[in-house]
PDB file of N, CA and C in Angstrom:
ATOM      1  N   MET A   1     273.057 165.927  69.464  1.00  0.00           N
ATOM      2  CA  MET A   1     272.764 165.246  68.228  1.00  0.00           C
ATOM      3  C   MET A   1     271.964 166.162  67.304  1.00  0.00           C
ATOM      4  N   VAL A   2     271.011 166.871  67.872  1.00  0.00           N
ATOM      5  CA  VAL A   2     270.172 167.759  67.072  1.00  0.00           C
ATOM      6  C   VAL A   2     271.026 168.827  66.396  1.00  0.00           C
ATOM      7  N   ARG A   3     271.955 169.401  67.147  1.00  0.00           N
ATOM      8  CA  ARG A   3     272.837 170.429  66.546  1.00  0.00           C
ATOM      9  C   ARG A   3     273.679 169.838  65.421  1.00  0.00           C
ATOM     10  N   ARG A   4     274.159 168.611  65.614  1.00  0.00           N
ATOM     11  CA  ARG A   4     274.964 167.978  64.567  1.00  0.00           C
ATOM     12  C   ARG A   4     274.110 167.697  63.321  1.00  0.00           C
ATOM     13  N   MET A   5     272.869 167.247  63.527  1.00  0.00           N
ATOM     14  CA  MET A   5     271.980 166.999  62.384  1.00  0.00           C
ATOM     15  C   MET A   5     271.695 168.311  61.642  1.00  0.00           C
ATOM     16  N   GLN A   6     271.402 169.367  62.393  1.00  0.00           N
ATOM     17  CA  GLN A   6     271.115 170.654  61.764  1.00  0.00           C
ATOM     18  C   GLN A   6     272.324 171.171  60.994  1.00  0.00           C
ATOM     19  N   ALA A   7     273.514 171.051  61.589  1.00  0.00           N
ATOM     20  CA  ALA A   7     274.728 171.520  60.926  1.00  0.00           C
ATOM     21  C   ALA A   7     275.001 170.714  59.657  1.00  0.00           C
ATOM     22  N   ALA A   8     274.849 169.402  59.735  1.00  0.00           N
ATOM     23  CA  ALA A   8     275.085 168.556  58.563  1.00  0.00           C
ATOM     24  C   ALA A   8     274.071 168.860  57.458  1.00  0.00           C
ATOM     25  N   ARG A   9     272.829 169.045  57.836  1.00  0.00           N
ATOM     26  CA  ARG A   9     271.796 169.372  56.844  1.00  0.00           C
ATOM     27  C   ARG A   9     272.118 170.696  56.164  1.00  0.00           C
ATOM     28  N   GLY A  10     272.597 171.659  56.951  1.00  0.00           N
ATOM     29  CA  GLY A  10     272.992 172.953  56.390  1.00  0.00           C
ATOM     30  C   GLY A  10     274.189 172.837  55.453  1.00  0.00           C
ATOM     31  N   ARG A  11     275.191 172.058  55.872  1.00  0.00           N
ATOM     32  CA  ARG A  11     276.380 171.863  55.023  1.00  0.00           C
ATOM     33  C   ARG A  11     276.017 171.225  53.691  1.00  0.00           C
ATOM     34  N   LEU A  12     275.085 170.280  53.745  1.00  0.00           N
ATOM     35  CA  LEU A  12     274.677 169.574  52.533  1.00  0.00           C
ATOM     36  C   LEU A  12     273.633 170.350  51.734  1.00  0.00           C
ATOM     37  N   GLY A  13     273.090 171.402  52.326  1.00  0.00           N
ATOM     38  CA  GLY A  13     272.087 172.222  51.645  1.00  0.00           C
ATOM     39  C   GLY A  13     270.800 171.470  51.357  1.00  0.00           C
ATOM     40  N   LEU A  14     270.397 170.614  52.287  1.00  0.00           N
ATOM     41  CA  LEU A  14     269.204 169.797  52.081  1.00  0.00           C
ATOM     42  C   LEU A  14     267.998 170.366  52.817  1.00  0.00           C
ATOM     43  N   SER A  15     266.901 170.489  52.110  1.00  0.00           N
ATOM     44  CA  SER A  15     265.634 170.825  52.763  1.00  0.00           C
ATOM     45  C   SER A  15     265.140 169.570  53.473  1.00  0.00           C
ATOM     46  N   TYR A  16     264.116 169.740  54.316  1.00  0.00           N
ATOM     47  CA  TYR A  16     263.527 168.569  54.966  1.00  0.00           C
ATOM     48  C   TYR A  16     262.995 167.600  53.910  1.00  0.00           C
ATOM     49  N   ALA A  17     262.389 168.149  52.860  1.00  0.00           N
ATOM     50  CA  ALA A  17     261.834 167.302  51.805  1.00  0.00           C
ATOM     51  C   ALA A  17     262.933 166.522  51.084  1.00  0.00           C
ATOM     52  N   ALA A  18     264.034 167.200  50.749  1.00  0.00           N
ATOM     53  CA  ALA A  18     265.134 166.518  50.041  1.00  0.00           C
ATOM     54  C   ALA A  18     265.786 165.469  50.933  1.00  0.00           C
ATOM     55  N   LEU A  19     265.976 165.803  52.198  1.00  0.00           N
ATOM     56  CA  LEU A  19     266.557 164.847  53.131  1.00  0.00           C
ATOM     57  C   LEU A  19     265.628 163.644  53.292  1.00  0.00           C
ATOM     58  N   GLY A  20     264.342 163.921  53.415  1.00  0.00           N
ATOM     59  CA  GLY A  20     263.360 162.847  53.545  1.00  0.00           C
ATOM     60  C   GLY A  20     263.348 161.943  52.328  1.00  0.00           C
ATOM     61  N   GLU A  21     263.456 162.529  51.153  1.00  0.00           N
ATOM     62  CA  GLU A  21     263.475 161.730  49.928  1.00  0.00           C
ATOM     63  C   GLU A  21     264.693 160.800  49.905  1.00  0.00           C
ATOM     64  N   ARG A  22     265.839 161.325  50.269  1.00  0.00           N
ATOM     65  CA  ARG A  22     267.069 160.508  50.281  1.00  0.00           C
ATOM     66  C   ARG A  22     267.025 159.422  51.350  1.00  0.00           C
ATOM     67  N   ALA A  23     266.395 159.745  52.494  1.00  0.00           N
ATOM     68  CA  ALA A  23     266.368 158.808  53.618  1.00  0.00           C
ATOM     69  C   ALA A  23     265.159 157.869  53.581  1.00  0.00           C
ATOM     70  N   GLY A  24     264.196 158.189  52.720  1.00  0.00           N
ATOM     71  CA  GLY A  24     262.979 157.373  52.688  1.00  0.00           C
ATOM     72  C   GLY A  24     262.079 157.640  53.883  1.00  0.00           C
ATOM     73  N   VAL A  25     262.077 158.902  54.336  1.00  0.00           N
ATOM     74  CA  VAL A  25     261.303 159.304  55.509  1.00  0.00           C
ATOM     75  C   VAL A  25     260.454 160.509  55.107  1.00  0.00           C
ATOM     76  N   ASP A  26     259.195 160.545  55.542  1.00  0.00           N
ATOM     77  CA  ASP A  26     258.309 161.663  55.233  1.00  0.00           C
ATOM     78  C   ASP A  26     258.905 162.980  55.724  1.00  0.00           C
ATOM     79  N   ALA A  27     258.780 164.029  54.934  1.00  0.00           N
ATOM     80  CA  ALA A  27     259.371 165.330  55.263  1.00  0.00           C
ATOM     81  C   ALA A  27     258.905 165.862  56.613  1.00  0.00           C
ATOM     82  N   SER A  28     257.640 165.643  56.969  1.00  0.00           N
ATOM     83  CA  SER A  28     257.158 166.136  58.264  1.00  0.00           C
ATOM     84  C   SER A  28     257.847 165.402  59.408  1.00  0.00           C
ATOM     85  N   GLN A  29     258.124 164.112  59.207  1.00  0.00           N
ATOM     86  CA  GLN A  29     258.838 163.351  60.233  1.00  0.00           C
ATOM     87  C   GLN A  29     260.303 163.793  60.295  1.00  0.00           C
ATOM     88  N   VAL A  30     260.908 164.087  59.155  1.00  0.00           N
ATOM     89  CA  VAL A  30     262.279 164.603  59.130  1.00  0.00           C
ATOM     90  C   VAL A  30     262.346 165.898  59.928  1.00  0.00           C
ATOM     91  N   SER A  31     261.393 166.777  59.701  1.00  0.00           N
ATOM     92  CA  SER A  31     261.343 168.049  60.421  1.00  0.00           C
ATOM     93  C   SER A  31     261.270 167.817  61.926  1.00  0.00           C
ATOM     94  N   ARG A  32     260.399 166.921  62.338  1.00  0.00           N
ATOM     95  CA  ARG A  32     260.225 166.615  63.761  1.00  0.00           C
ATOM     96  C   ARG A  32     261.511 166.049  64.353  1.00  0.00           C
ATOM     97  N   ILE A  33     262.125 165.101  63.660  1.00  0.00           N
ATOM     98  CA  ILE A  33     263.350 164.478  64.148  1.00  0.00           C
ATOM     99  C   ILE A  33     264.483 165.500  64.213  1.00  0.00           C
ATOM    100  N   CYS A  34     264.602 166.325  63.185  1.00  0.00           N
ATOM    101  CA  CYS A  34     265.675 167.328  63.158  1.00  0.00           C
ATOM    102  C   CYS A  34     265.485 168.417  64.224  1.00  0.00           C
ATOM    103  N   ARG A  35     264.290 168.528  64.770  1.00  0.00           N
ATOM    104  CA  ARG A  35     264.041 169.455  65.891  1.00  0.00           C
ATOM    105  C   ARG A  35     264.255 168.771  67.239  1.00  0.00           C
ATOM    106  N   GLY A  36     264.618 167.493  67.194  1.00  0.00           N
ATOM    107  CA  GLY A  36     264.892 166.769  68.429  1.00  0.00           C
ATOM    108  C   GLY A  36     263.680 166.122  69.053  1.00  0.00           C
ATOM    109  N   GLU A  37     262.598 166.013  68.310  1.00  0.00           N
ATOM    110  CA  GLU A  37     261.370 165.424  68.838  1.00  0.00           C
ATOM    111  C   GLU A  37     261.354 163.916  68.578  1.00  0.00           C
ATOM    112  N   TYR A  38     262.244 163.221  69.250  1.00  0.00           N
ATOM    113  CA  TYR A  38     262.299 161.768  69.185  1.00  0.00           C
ATOM    114  C   TYR A  38     262.826 161.259  70.515  1.00  0.00           C
ATOM    115  N   ALA A  39     262.430 160.051  70.882  1.00  0.00           N
ATOM    116  CA  ALA A  39     262.847 159.489  72.169  1.00  0.00           C
ATOM    117  C   ALA A  39     263.869 158.383  72.014  1.00  0.00           C
ATOM    118  N   THR A  40     263.867 157.725  70.844  1.00  0.00           N
ATOM    119  CA  THR A  40     264.784 156.602  70.637  1.00  0.00           C
ATOM    120  C   THR A  40     265.384 156.702  69.248  1.00  0.00           C
ATOM    121  N   PHE A  41     266.376 155.900  69.016  1.00  0.00           N
ATOM    122  CA  PHE A  41     266.974 155.823  67.687  1.00  0.00           C
ATOM    123  C   PHE A  41     266.118 154.921  66.817  1.00  0.00           C
ATOM    124  N   SER A  42     265.010 155.455  66.354  1.00  0.00           N
ATOM    125  CA  SER A  42     264.139 154.682  65.469  1.00  0.00           C
ATOM    126  C   SER A  42     264.836 154.493  64.130  1.00  0.00           C
ATOM    127  N   ASP A  43     264.262 153.641  63.314  1.00  0.00           N
ATOM    128  CA  ASP A  43     264.792 153.408  61.979  1.00  0.00           C
ATOM    129  C   ASP A  43     264.889 154.720  61.209  1.00  0.00           C
ATOM    130  N   SER A  44     263.910 155.592  61.366  1.00  0.00           N
ATOM    131  CA  SER A  44     263.921 156.876  60.662  1.00  0.00           C
ATOM    132  C   SER A  44     265.081 157.756  61.110  1.00  0.00           C
ATOM    133  N   VAL A  45     265.349 157.807  62.406  1.00  0.00           N
ATOM    134  CA  VAL A  45     266.472 158.588  62.924  1.00  0.00           C
ATOM    135  C   VAL A  45     267.775 158.039  62.357  1.00  0.00           C
ATOM    136  N   VAL A  46     267.903 156.745  62.348  1.00  0.00           N
ATOM    137  CA  VAL A  46     269.124 156.109  61.837  1.00  0.00           C
ATOM    138  C   VAL A  46     269.304 156.436  60.357  1.00  0.00           C
ATOM    139  N   ARG A  47     268.233 156.328  59.563  1.00  0.00           N
ATOM    140  CA  ARG A  47     268.344 156.614  58.124  1.00  0.00           C
ATOM    141  C   ARG A  47     268.697 158.071  57.865  1.00  0.00           C
ATOM    142  N   ILE A  48     268.105 158.991  58.627  1.00  0.00           N
ATOM    143  CA  ILE A  48     268.420 160.412  58.464  1.00  0.00           C
ATOM    144  C   ILE A  48     269.886 160.661  58.791  1.00  0.00           C
ATOM    145  N   CYS A  49     270.349 160.114  59.903  1.00  0.00           N
ATOM    146  CA  CYS A  49     271.755 160.296  60.287  1.00  0.00           C
ATOM    147  C   CYS A  49     272.698 159.693  59.255  1.00  0.00           C
ATOM    148  N   THR A  50     272.323 158.566  58.677  1.00  0.00           N
ATOM    149  CA  THR A  50     273.151 157.931  57.658  1.00  0.00           C
ATOM    150  C   THR A  50     273.288 158.848  56.444  1.00  0.00           C
ATOM    151  N   VAL A  51     272.176 159.409  55.988  1.00  0.00           N
ATOM    152  CA  VAL A  51     272.218 160.327  54.846  1.00  0.00           C
ATOM    153  C   VAL A  51     273.064 161.545  55.174  1.00  0.00           C
ATOM    154  N   LEU A  52     272.962 162.031  56.400  1.00  0.00           N
ATOM    155  CA  LEU A  52     273.719 163.214  56.808  1.00  0.00           C
ATOM    156  C   LEU A  52     275.186 162.893  57.111  1.00  0.00           C
ATOM    157  N   GLY A  53     275.519 161.616  57.157  1.00  0.00           N
ATOM    158  CA  GLY A  53     276.897 161.239  57.474  1.00  0.00           C
ATOM    159  C   GLY A  53     277.231 161.420  58.939  1.00  0.00           C
ATOM    160  N   GLU A  54     276.207 161.404  59.790  1.00  0.00           N
ATOM    161  CA  GLU A  54     276.400 161.581  61.230  1.00  0.00           C
ATOM    162  C   GLU A  54     276.365 160.245  61.931  1.00  0.00           C
ATOM    163  N   ARG A  55     277.343 160.001  62.750  1.00  0.00           N
ATOM    164  CA  ARG A  55     277.421 158.758  63.521  1.00  0.00           C
ATOM    165  C   ARG A  55     276.633 158.933  64.816  1.00  0.00           C
ATOM    166  N   LEU A  56     275.750 157.992  65.085  1.00  0.00           N
ATOM    167  CA  LEU A  56     275.002 158.019  66.340  1.00  0.00           C
ATOM    168  C   LEU A  56     275.912 157.573  67.468  1.00  0.00           C
ATOM    169  N   ARG A  57     275.751 158.194  68.598  1.00  0.00           N
ATOM    170  CA  ARG A  57     276.527 157.838  69.778  1.00  0.00           C
ATOM    171  C   ARG A  57     275.566 157.440  70.884  1.00  0.00           C
ATOM    172  N   SER A  58     276.021 156.576  71.754  1.00  0.00           N
ATOM    173  CA  SER A  58     275.133 156.064  72.801  1.00  0.00           C
ATOM    174  C   SER A  58     274.576 157.177  73.676  1.00  0.00           C
ATOM    175  N   GLY A  59     275.254 158.279  73.840  1.00  0.00           N
ATOM    176  CA  GLY A  59     274.768 159.372  74.673  1.00  0.00           C
ATOM    177  C   GLY A  59     273.848 160.342  73.959  1.00  0.00           C
ATOM    178  N   ASP A  60     273.588 160.129  72.661  1.00  0.00           N
ATOM    179  CA  ASP A  60     272.779 161.067  71.890  1.00  0.00           C
ATOM    180  C   ASP A  60     271.302 161.047  72.248  1.00  0.00           C
ATOM    181  N   ALA A  61     270.772 159.885  72.546  1.00  0.00           N
ATOM    182  CA  ALA A  61     269.328 159.766  72.798  1.00  0.00           C
ATOM    183  C   ALA A  61     269.033 159.972  74.271  1.00  0.00           C
ATOM    184  N   GLU A  62     267.895 160.541  74.507  1.00  0.00           N
ATOM    185  CA  GLU A  62     267.411 160.643  75.872  1.00  0.00           C
ATOM    186  C   GLU A  62     267.030 159.256  76.348  1.00  0.00           C
ATOM    187  N   PRO A  63     267.142 158.983  77.635  1.00  0.00           N
ATOM    188  CA  PRO A  63     266.720 157.665  78.101  1.00  0.00           C
ATOM    189  C   PRO A  63     265.238 157.444  77.854  1.00  0.00           C
ATOM    190  N   LEU A  64     264.875 156.201  77.608  1.00  0.00           N
ATOM    191  CA  LEU A  64     263.469 155.869  77.416  1.00  0.00           C
ATOM    192  C   LEU A  64     262.702 156.072  78.710  1.00  0.00           C
ATOM    193  N   PRO A  65     261.414 156.413  78.624  1.00  0.00           N
ATOM    194  CA  PRO A  65     260.626 156.526  79.850  1.00  0.00           C
ATOM    195  C   PRO A  65     260.637 155.191  80.592  1.00  0.00           C
ATOM    196  N   ALA A  66     260.606 155.273  81.883  1.00  0.00           N
ATOM    197  CA  ALA A  66     260.635 154.050  82.694  1.00  0.00           C
ATOM    198  C   ALA A  66     259.355 153.258  82.498  1.00  0.00           C
ATOM    199  N   LEU A  67     259.499 151.944  82.521  1.00  0.00           N
ATOM    200  CA  LEU A  67     258.329 151.071  82.485  1.00  0.00           C
ATOM    201  C   LEU A  67     257.635 151.121  83.840  1.00  0.00           C
ATOM    202  N   PRO A  68     256.350 150.793  83.896  1.00  0.00           N
ATOM    203  CA  PRO A  68     255.677 150.745  85.194  1.00  0.00           C
ATOM    204  C   PRO A  68     256.423 149.792  86.132  1.00  0.00           C
ATOM    205  N   ALA A  69     256.460 150.126  87.399  1.00  0.00           N
ATOM    206  CA  ALA A  69     257.212 149.346  88.384  1.00  0.00           C
ATOM    207  C   ALA A  69     256.803 147.889  88.400  1.00  0.00           C
ATOM    208  N   ALA A  70     255.549 147.605  88.086  1.00  0.00           N
ATOM    209  CA  ALA A  70     255.092 146.216  88.090  1.00  0.00           C
ATOM    210  C   ALA A  70     255.738 145.398  86.982  1.00  0.00           C
ATOM    211  N   ARG A  71     256.296 146.052  85.974  1.00  0.00           N
ATOM    212  CA  ARG A  71     256.874 145.340  84.842  1.00  0.00           C
ATOM    213  C   ARG A  71     258.397 145.315  84.857  1.00  0.00           C
ATOM    214  N   ARG A  72     259.023 145.974  85.796  1.00  0.00           N
ATOM    215  CA  ARG A  72     260.476 145.993  85.821  1.00  0.00           C
ATOM    216  C   ARG A  72     260.983 146.326  87.204  1.00  0.00           C
ATOM    217  N   THR A  73     262.251 146.058  87.397  1.00  0.00           N
ATOM    218  CA  THR A  73     262.945 146.543  88.580  1.00  0.00           C
ATOM    219  C   THR A  73     264.078 147.409  88.085  1.00  0.00           C
ATOM    220  N   ASP A  74     264.525 148.328  88.895  1.00  0.00           N
ATOM    221  CA  ASP A  74     265.627 149.185  88.464  1.00  0.00           C
ATOM    222  C   ASP A  74     266.866 148.363  88.122  1.00  0.00           C
ATOM    223  N   ALA A  75     267.129 147.318  88.878  1.00  0.00           N
ATOM    224  CA  ALA A  75     268.295 146.476  88.613  1.00  0.00           C
ATOM    225  C   ALA A  75     268.146 145.748  87.274  1.00  0.00           C
ATOM    226  N   ALA A  76     266.955 145.242  86.994  1.00  0.00           N
ATOM    227  CA  ALA A  76     266.735 144.528  85.739  1.00  0.00           C
ATOM    228  C   ALA A  76     266.863 145.477  84.550  1.00  0.00           C
ATOM    229  N   TRP A  77     266.289 146.656  84.683  1.00  0.00           N
ATOM    230  CA  TRP A  77     266.365 147.648  83.604  1.00  0.00           C
ATOM    231  C   TRP A  77     267.818 148.054  83.373  1.00  0.00           C
ATOM    232  N   ALA A  78     268.570 148.280  84.421  1.00  0.00           N
ATOM    233  CA  ALA A  78     269.977 148.659  84.294  1.00  0.00           C
ATOM    234  C   ALA A  78     270.774 147.549  83.611  1.00  0.00           C
ATOM    235  N   LYS A  79     270.493 146.306  83.957  1.00  0.00           N
ATOM    236  CA  LYS A  79     271.186 145.173  83.341  1.00  0.00           C
ATOM    237  C   LYS A  79     270.870 145.110  81.851  1.00  0.00           C
ATOM    238  N   LEU A  80     269.604 145.290  81.508  1.00  0.00           N
ATOM    239  CA  LEU A  80     269.204 145.279  80.105  1.00  0.00           C
ATOM    240  C   LEU A  80     269.891 146.415  79.346  1.00  0.00           C
ATOM    241  N   GLU A  81     269.885 147.600  79.904  1.00  0.00           N
ATOM    242  CA  GLU A  81     270.513 148.747  79.243  1.00  0.00           C
ATOM    243  C   GLU A  81     272.009 148.502  79.027  1.00  0.00           C
ATOM    244  N   ARG A  82     272.702 147.953  80.031  1.00  0.00           N
ATOM    245  CA  ARG A  82     274.138 147.649  79.883  1.00  0.00           C
ATOM    246  C   ARG A  82     274.369 146.644  78.767  1.00  0.00           C
ATOM    247  N   SER A  83     273.507 145.640  78.701  1.00  0.00           N
ATOM    248  CA  SER A  83     273.646 144.620  77.661  1.00  0.00           C
ATOM    249  C   SER A  83     273.484 145.213  76.265  1.00  0.00           C
ATOM    250  N   VAL A  84     272.471 146.047  76.099  1.00  0.00           N
ATOM    251  CA  VAL A  84     272.238 146.665  74.790  1.00  0.00           C
ATOM    252  C   VAL A  84     273.404 147.572  74.430  1.00  0.00           C
ATOM    253  N   ARG A  85     273.840 148.396  75.380  1.00  0.00           N
ATOM    254  CA  ARG A  85     274.962 149.301  75.094  1.00  0.00           C
ATOM    255  C   ARG A  85     276.235 148.541  74.742  1.00  0.00           C
ATOM    256  N   SER A  86     276.481 147.416  75.399  1.00  0.00           N
ATOM    257  CA  SER A  86     277.698 146.661  75.109  1.00  0.00           C
ATOM    258  C   SER A  86     277.605 145.960  73.758  1.00  0.00           C
ATOM    259  N   ALA A  87     276.388 145.645  73.299  1.00  0.00           N
ATOM    260  CA  ALA A  87     276.213 144.970  72.013  1.00  0.00           C
ATOM    261  C   ALA A  87     276.247 145.944  70.836  1.00  0.00           C
ATOM    262  N   TRP A  88     276.046 147.232  71.096  1.00  0.00           N
ATOM    263  CA  TRP A  88     275.954 148.225  70.024  1.00  0.00           C
ATOM    264  C   TRP A  88     277.332 148.758  69.673  1.00  0.00           C
ATOM    265  N   ASP A  89     277.657 148.774  68.399  1.00  0.00           N
ATOM    266  CA  ASP A  89     278.948 149.292  67.938  1.00  0.00           C
ATOM    267  C   ASP A  89     278.926 150.802  67.689  1.00  0.00           C
ATOM    268  N   GLU A  90     277.854 151.464  68.074  1.00  0.00           N
ATOM    269  CA  GLU A  90     277.670 152.917  67.989  1.00  0.00           C
ATOM    270  C   GLU A  90     277.661 153.448  66.560  1.00  0.00           C
ATOM    271  N   THR A  91     277.177 152.630  65.633  1.00  0.00           N
ATOM    272  CA  THR A  91     276.985 153.073  64.257  1.00  0.00           C
ATOM    273  C   THR A  91     275.498 153.001  63.925  1.00  0.00           C
ATOM    274  N   PRO A  92     275.042 153.788  62.952  1.00  0.00           N
ATOM    275  CA  PRO A  92     273.637 153.687  62.550  1.00  0.00           C
ATOM    276  C   PRO A  92     273.275 152.274  62.085  1.00  0.00           C
ATOM    277  N   ALA A  93     274.162 151.645  61.328  1.00  0.00           N
ATOM    278  CA  ALA A  93     273.880 150.291  60.851  1.00  0.00           C
ATOM    279  C   ALA A  93     273.801 149.319  62.025  1.00  0.00           C
ATOM    280  N   GLY A  94     274.674 149.502  62.992  1.00  0.00           N
ATOM    281  CA  GLY A  94     274.651 148.646  64.175  1.00  0.00           C
ATOM    282  C   GLY A  94     273.383 148.838  64.984  1.00  0.00           C
ATOM    283  N   ALA A  95     272.919 150.076  65.081  1.00  0.00           N
ATOM    284  CA  ALA A  95     271.668 150.348  65.796  1.00  0.00           C
ATOM    285  C   ALA A  95     270.495 149.678  65.099  1.00  0.00           C
ATOM    286  N   GLU A  96     270.506 149.740  63.776  1.00  0.00           N
ATOM    287  CA  GLU A  96     269.420 149.120  63.023  1.00  0.00           C
ATOM    288  C   GLU A  96     269.438 147.599  63.200  1.00  0.00           C
ATOM    289  N   ARG A  97     270.613 146.985  63.121  1.00  0.00           N
ATOM    290  CA  ARG A  97     270.718 145.537  63.307  1.00  0.00           C
ATOM    291  C   ARG A  97     270.271 145.131  64.701  1.00  0.00           C
ATOM    292  N   LEU A  98     270.733 145.855  65.705  1.00  0.00           N
ATOM    293  CA  LEU A  98     270.384 145.517  67.080  1.00  0.00           C
ATOM    294  C   LEU A  98     268.886 145.688  67.322  1.00  0.00           C
ATOM    295  N   ALA A  99     268.295 146.742  66.762  1.00  0.00           N
ATOM    296  CA  ALA A  99     266.847 146.946  66.901  1.00  0.00           C
ATOM    297  C   ALA A  99     266.068 145.796  66.273  1.00  0.00           C
ATOM    298  N   LYS A 100     266.543 145.293  65.125  1.00  0.00           N
ATOM    299  CA  LYS A 100     265.869 144.164  64.472  1.00  0.00           C
ATOM    300  C   LYS A 100     265.971 142.901  65.320  1.00  0.00           C
ATOM    301  N   VAL A 101     267.135 142.682  65.920  1.00  0.00           N
ATOM    302  CA  VAL A 101     267.311 141.508  66.778  1.00  0.00           C
ATOM    303  C   VAL A 101     266.369 141.590  67.974  1.00  0.00           C
ATOM    304  N   ILE A 102     266.310 142.748  68.604  1.00  0.00           N
ATOM    305  CA  ILE A 102     265.447 142.918  69.775  1.00  0.00           C
ATOM    306  C   ILE A 102     263.977 142.749  69.382  1.00  0.00           C
ATOM    307  N   ALA A 103     263.586 143.299  68.233  1.00  0.00           N
ATOM    308  CA  ALA A 103     262.204 143.138  67.768  1.00  0.00           C
ATOM    309  C   ALA A 103     261.890 141.661  67.521  1.00  0.00           C
ATOM    310  N   ALA A 104     262.838 140.935  66.941  1.00  0.00           N
ATOM    311  CA  ALA A 104     262.629 139.497  66.687  1.00  0.00           C
ATOM    312  C   ALA A 104     262.477 138.731  68.006  1.00  0.00           C
ATOM    313  N   VAL A 105     263.285 139.059  68.976  1.00  0.00           N
ATOM    314  CA  VAL A 105     263.178 138.419  70.288  1.00  0.00           C
ATOM    315  C   VAL A 105     261.817 138.729  70.914  1.00  0.00           C
ATOM    316  N   GLY A 106     261.361 139.963  70.753  1.00  0.00           N
ATOM    317  CA  GLY A 106     260.045 140.340  71.263  1.00  0.00           C
ATOM    318  C   GLY A 106     258.932 139.554  70.613  1.00  0.00           C
ATOM    319  N   GLU A 107     259.052 139.328  69.303  1.00  0.00           N
ATOM    320  CA  GLU A 107     258.048 138.532  68.591  1.00  0.00           C
ATOM    321  C   GLU A 107     258.021 137.104  69.118  1.00  0.00           C
ATOM    322  N   ILE A 108     259.179 136.528  69.340  1.00  0.00           N
ATOM    323  CA  ILE A 108     259.251 135.167  69.873  1.00  0.00           C
ATOM    324  C   ILE A 108     258.598 135.108  71.262  1.00  0.00           C
ATOM    325  N   GLY A 109     258.861 136.131  72.068  1.00  0.00           N
ATOM    326  CA  GLY A 109     258.301 136.172  73.417  1.00  0.00           C
ATOM    327  C   GLY A 109     256.790 136.315  73.453  1.00  0.00           C
ATOM    328  N   ARG A 110     256.202 136.891  72.420  1.00  0.00           N
ATOM    329  CA  ARG A 110     254.743 137.077  72.370  1.00  0.00           C
ATOM    330  C   ARG A 110     254.027 135.833  71.869  1.00  0.00           C
ATOM    331  N   ARG A 111     254.750 134.862  71.372  1.00  0.00           N
ATOM    332  CA  ARG A 111     254.114 133.637  70.820  1.00  0.00           C
ATOM    333  C   ARG A 111     253.699 132.707  71.914  1.00  0.00           C
TER     334      ARG A 111
END
């Protein structure tokens, strides 16, 4: 993914600042993301990829760090991951929608 982002940024002739302005992301964060310093498809990653015309793929992100064993089981985590992957249409817009749904569910669970 990082190579694709770098290549697209080069093709478009965008500096980190120009890309950040178009994506609504701070230039320092654009620089960090374009160097591969991200763990998940955050809103910023999705917006940068959208500006670059790059489609996110389920295999692009590194897996999230495991939760402490007291908070999960490997089977439960695997089931959750399968569910999220099956719900995602592998587009930046789909990732953003799914992230919002999951965040909303998390808010309900904290009430």
